[in-house]
């Protein structure tokens, strides 16, 4: 099964964020930072406010 178009870009984006978090947060804290941001992004897309 092939990955959807743009999937690689999204994966690279998430890894880029993870690399930035490594210096500021402990690994067990990543979820506390990323989950709210991912929820906000999902709500933004669900509301049709694509940017």
PDB file of N, CA and C in Angstrom:
ATOM      1  N   UNK A   1       0.847  -1.175   0.000  1.00  0.00           N
ATOM      2  CA  UNK A   1       0.000   0.000   0.000  1.00  0.00           C
ATOM      3  C   UNK A   1       0.894   1.241   0.000  1.00  0.00           C
ATOM      4  N   UNK A   2       0.660   2.126  -0.929  1.00  0.00           N
ATOM      5  CA  UNK A   2       1.462   3.349  -1.042  1.00  0.00           C
ATOM      6  C   UNK A   2       0.981   4.394  -0.044  1.00  0.00           C
ATOM      7  N   UNK A   3       1.912   5.190   0.429  1.00  0.00           N
ATOM      8  CA  UNK A   3       1.568   6.277   1.357  1.00  0.00           C
ATOM      9  C   UNK A   3       0.846   7.379   0.588  1.00  0.00           C
ATOM     10  N   UNK A   4      -0.131   8.032   1.223  1.00  0.00           N
ATOM     11  CA  UNK A   4      -0.833   9.131   0.561  1.00  0.00           C
ATOM     12  C   UNK A   4       0.138  10.248   0.191  1.00  0.00           C
ATOM     13  N   UNK A   5      -0.217  10.982  -0.848  1.00  0.00           N
ATOM     14  CA  UNK A   5       0.629  12.086  -1.285  1.00  0.00           C
ATOM     15  C   UNK A   5       0.755  13.124  -0.173  1.00  0.00           C
ATOM     16  N   UNK A   6       1.946  13.608   0.043  1.00  0.00           N
ATOM     17  CA  UNK A   6       2.189  14.584   1.095  1.00  0.00           C
ATOM     18  C   UNK A   6       2.482  13.960   2.449  1.00  0.00           C
ATOM     19  N   UNK A   7       2.353  12.639   2.542  1.00  0.00           N
ATOM     20  CA  UNK A   7       2.574  11.955   3.812  1.00  0.00           C
ATOM     21  C   UNK A   7       4.015  12.117   4.277  1.00  0.00           C
ATOM     22  N   UNK A   8       4.955  11.986   3.361  1.00  0.00           N
ATOM     23  CA  UNK A   8       6.376  12.119   3.709  1.00  0.00           C
ATOM     24  C   UNK A   8       6.676  13.503   4.258  1.00  0.00           C
ATOM     25  N   UNK A   9       6.037  14.520   3.692  1.00  0.00           N
ATOM     26  CA  UNK A   9       6.228  15.888   4.183  1.00  0.00           C
ATOM     27  C   UNK A   9       5.727  16.027   5.613  1.00  0.00           C
ATOM     28  N   UNK A  10       4.599  15.403   5.902  1.00  0.00           N
ATOM     29  CA  UNK A  10       4.035  15.473   7.252  1.00  0.00           C
ATOM     30  C   UNK A  10       4.921  14.741   8.255  1.00  0.00           C
ATOM     31  N   UNK A  11       5.436  13.595   7.850  1.00  0.00           N
ATOM     32  CA  UNK A  11       6.332  12.838   8.725  1.00  0.00           C
ATOM     33  C   UNK A  11       7.592  13.649   9.001  1.00  0.00           C
ATOM     34  N   UNK A  12       8.153  14.257   7.972  1.00  0.00           N
ATOM     35  CA  UNK A  12       9.354  15.078   8.142  1.00  0.00           C
ATOM     36  C   UNK A  12       9.074  16.258   9.062  1.00  0.00           C
ATOM     37  N   UNK A  13       7.888  16.845   8.938  1.00  0.00           N
ATOM     38  CA  UNK A  13       7.499  17.975   9.788  1.00  0.00           C
ATOM     39  C   UNK A  13       7.444  17.561  11.257  1.00  0.00           C
ATOM     40  N   UNK A  14       6.840  16.415  11.533  1.00  0.00           N
ATOM     41  CA  UNK A  14       6.730  15.928  12.912  1.00  0.00           C
ATOM     42  C   UNK A  14       8.113  15.628  13.484  1.00  0.00           C
ATOM     43  N   UNK A  15       8.993  15.007  12.698  1.00  0.00           N
ATOM     44  CA  UNK A  15      10.351  14.713  13.177  1.00  0.00           C
ATOM     45  C   UNK A  15      11.127  15.992  13.439  1.00  0.00           C
ATOM     46  N   UNK A  16      10.908  17.004  12.608  1.00  0.00           N
ATOM     47  CA  UNK A  16      11.586  18.289  12.799  1.00  0.00           C
ATOM     48  C   UNK A  16      11.180  18.912  14.135  1.00  0.00           C
ATOM     49  N   UNK A  17       9.900  18.830  14.458  1.00  0.00           N
ATOM     50  CA  UNK A  17       9.414  19.339  15.743  1.00  0.00           C
ATOM     51  C   UNK A  17      10.013  18.526  16.886  1.00  0.00           C
ATOM     52  N   UNK A  18      10.039  17.218  16.738  1.00  0.00           N
ATOM     53  CA  UNK A  18      10.604  16.356  17.783  1.00  0.00           C
ATOM     54  C   UNK A  18      12.067  16.699  18.039  1.00  0.00           C
ATOM     55  N   UNK A  19      12.810  16.982  16.977  1.00  0.00           N
ATOM     56  CA  UNK A  19      14.215  17.363  17.145  1.00  0.00           C
ATOM     57  C   UNK A  19      14.349  18.652  17.941  1.00  0.00           C
ATOM     58  N   UNK A  20      13.450  19.597  17.712  1.00  0.00           N
ATOM     59  CA  UNK A  20      13.490  20.866  18.451  1.00  0.00           C
ATOM     60  C   UNK A  20      13.108  20.668  19.918  1.00  0.00           C
ATOM     61  N   UNK A  21      12.183  19.767  20.195  1.00  0.00           N
ATOM     62  CA  UNK A  21      11.740  19.527  21.569  1.00  0.00           C
ATOM     63  C   UNK A  21      12.815  18.839  22.404  1.00  0.00           C
ATOM     64  N   UNK A  22      13.658  18.056  21.779  1.00  0.00           N
ATOM     65  CA  UNK A  22      14.644  17.261  22.513  1.00  0.00           C
ATOM     66  C   UNK A  22      15.517  18.092  23.434  1.00  0.00           C
ATOM     67  N   UNK A  23      15.848  19.304  23.066  1.00  0.00           N
ATOM     68  CA  UNK A  23      16.710  20.121  23.901  1.00  0.00           C
ATOM     69  C   UNK A  23      15.993  20.796  25.052  1.00  0.00           C
ATOM     70  N   UNK A  24      14.662  20.893  24.975  1.00  0.00           N
ATOM     71  CA  UNK A  24      13.909  21.667  25.957  1.00  0.00           C
ATOM     72  C   UNK A  24      13.037  20.828  26.881  1.00  0.00           C
ATOM     73  N   UNK A  25      12.671  19.635  26.452  1.00  0.00           N
ATOM     74  CA  UNK A  25      11.770  18.790  27.227  1.00  0.00           C
ATOM     75  C   UNK A  25      12.355  17.387  27.370  1.00  0.00           C
ATOM     76  N   UNK A  26      11.983  16.722  28.436  1.00  0.00           N
ATOM     77  CA  UNK A  26      12.338  15.322  28.623  1.00  0.00           C
ATOM     78  C   UNK A  26      11.399  14.480  27.747  1.00  0.00           C
ATOM     79  N   UNK A  27      11.839  13.311  27.283  1.00  0.00           N
ATOM     80  CA  UNK A  27      10.988  12.490  26.422  1.00  0.00           C
ATOM     81  C   UNK A  27       9.593  12.218  26.986  1.00  0.00           C
ATOM     82  N   UNK A  28       9.469  12.023  28.293  1.00  0.00           N
ATOM     83  CA  UNK A  28       8.148  11.746  28.857  1.00  0.00           C
ATOM     84  C   UNK A  28       7.244  12.983  28.841  1.00  0.00           C
ATOM     85  N   UNK A  29       7.776  14.161  28.550  1.00  0.00           N
ATOM     86  CA  UNK A  29       6.979  15.390  28.496  1.00  0.00           C
ATOM     87  C   UNK A  29       6.486  15.717  27.084  1.00  0.00           C
ATOM     88  N   UNK A  30       6.976  15.020  26.067  1.00  0.00           N
ATOM     89  CA  UNK A  30       6.607  15.329  24.685  1.00  0.00           C
ATOM     90  C   UNK A  30       5.098  15.294  24.466  1.00  0.00           C
ATOM     91  N   UNK A  31       4.436  14.303  25.030  1.00  0.00           N
ATOM     92  CA  UNK A  31       2.989  14.174  24.855  1.00  0.00           C
ATOM     93  C   UNK A  31       2.236  15.365  25.404  1.00  0.00           C
ATOM     94  N   UNK A  32       2.703  15.924  26.504  1.00  0.00           N
ATOM     95  CA  UNK A  32       2.052  17.090  27.106  1.00  0.00           C
ATOM     96  C   UNK A  32       2.154  18.313  26.209  1.00  0.00           C
ATOM     97  N   UNK A  33       3.179  18.342  25.385  1.00  0.00           N
ATOM     98  CA  UNK A  33       3.383  19.470  24.476  1.00  0.00           C
ATOM     99  C   UNK A  33       2.687  19.217  23.144  1.00  0.00           C
ATOM    100  N   UNK A  34       2.897  18.037  22.587  1.00  0.00           N
ATOM    101  CA  UNK A  34       2.412  17.752  21.242  1.00  0.00           C
ATOM    102  C   UNK A  34       0.912  17.512  21.157  1.00  0.00           C
ATOM    103  N   UNK A  35       0.341  16.826  22.125  1.00  0.00           N
ATOM    104  CA  UNK A  35      -1.078  16.490  22.044  1.00  0.00           C
ATOM    105  C   UNK A  35      -1.969  17.728  21.922  1.00  0.00           C
ATOM    106  N   UNK A  36      -1.822  18.741  22.779  1.00  0.00           N
ATOM    107  CA  UNK A  36      -2.667  19.935  22.617  1.00  0.00           C
ATOM    108  C   UNK A  36      -2.468  20.614  21.261  1.00  0.00           C
ATOM    109  N   UNK A  37      -1.236  20.650  20.761  1.00  0.00           N
ATOM    110  CA  UNK A  37      -0.987  21.271  19.462  1.00  0.00           C
ATOM    111  C   UNK A  37      -1.635  20.480  18.332  1.00  0.00           C
ATOM    112  N   UNK A  38      -1.570  19.159  18.415  1.00  0.00           N
ATOM    113  CA  UNK A  38      -2.203  18.334  17.391  1.00  0.00           C
ATOM    114  C   UNK A  38      -3.722  18.461  17.422  1.00  0.00           C
ATOM    115  N   UNK A  39      -4.295  18.550  18.615  1.00  0.00           N
ATOM    116  CA  UNK A  39      -5.749  18.728  18.738  1.00  0.00           C
ATOM    117  C   UNK A  39      -6.159  20.068  18.142  1.00  0.00           C
ATOM    118  N   UNK A  40      -5.424  21.127  18.447  1.00  0.00           N
ATOM    119  CA  UNK A  40      -5.742  22.443  17.882  1.00  0.00           C
ATOM    120  C   UNK A  40      -5.636  22.435  16.363  1.00  0.00           C
ATOM    121  N   UNK A  41      -4.607  21.786  15.846  1.00  0.00           N
ATOM    122  CA  UNK A  41      -4.454  21.704  14.389  1.00  0.00           C
ATOM    123  C   UNK A  41      -5.617  20.940  13.768  1.00  0.00           C
ATOM    124  N   UNK A  42      -6.030  19.855  14.396  1.00  0.00           N
ATOM    125  CA  UNK A  42      -7.152  19.065  13.870  1.00  0.00           C
ATOM    126  C   UNK A  42      -8.449  19.873  13.895  1.00  0.00           C
ATOM    127  N   UNK A  43      -8.685  20.605  14.979  1.00  0.00           N
ATOM    128  CA  UNK A  43      -9.885  21.442  15.070  1.00  0.00           C
ATOM    129  C   UNK A  43      -9.874  22.534  14.007  1.00  0.00           C
ATOM    130  N   UNK A  44      -8.713  23.094  13.758  1.00  0.00           N
ATOM    131  CA  UNK A  44      -8.573  24.128  12.735  1.00  0.00           C
ATOM    132  C   UNK A  44      -8.947  23.568  11.363  1.00  0.00           C
ATOM    133  N   UNK A  45      -8.460  22.383  11.056  1.00  0.00           N
ATOM    134  CA  UNK A  45      -8.775  21.767   9.767  1.00  0.00           C
ATOM    135  C   UNK A  45     -10.241  21.350   9.692  1.00  0.00           C
ATOM    136  N   UNK A  46     -10.795  20.881  10.791  1.00  0.00           N
ATOM    137  CA  UNK A  46     -12.205  20.487  10.807  1.00  0.00           C
ATOM    138  C   UNK A  46     -13.109  21.698  10.608  1.00  0.00           C
ATOM    139  N   UNK A  47     -12.654  22.868  11.065  1.00  0.00           N
ATOM    140  CA  UNK A  47     -13.437  24.094  10.910  1.00  0.00           C
ATOM    141  C   UNK A  47     -13.259  24.703   9.523  1.00  0.00           C
ATOM    142  N   UNK A  48     -12.369  24.121   8.717  1.00  0.00           N
ATOM    143  CA  UNK A  48     -12.166  24.622   7.365  1.00  0.00           C
ATOM    144  C   UNK A  48     -11.216  25.799   7.287  1.00  0.00           C
ATOM    145  N   UNK A  49     -10.385  25.975   8.291  1.00  0.00           N
ATOM    146  CA  UNK A  49      -9.445  27.093   8.313  1.00  0.00           C
ATOM    147  C   UNK A  49      -8.056  26.625   7.902  1.00  0.00           C
ATOM    148  N   UNK A  50      -7.962  26.009   6.739  1.00  0.00           N
ATOM    149  CA  UNK A  50      -6.681  25.476   6.265  1.00  0.00           C
ATOM    150  C   UNK A  50      -5.717  26.614   5.990  1.00  0.00           C
ATOM    151  N   UNK A  51      -4.488  26.439   6.444  1.00  0.00           N
ATOM    152  CA  UNK A  51      -3.467  27.469   6.171  1.00  0.00           C
ATOM    153  C   UNK A  51      -2.151  26.818   5.857  1.00  0.00           C
TER     154      UNK A  51
END
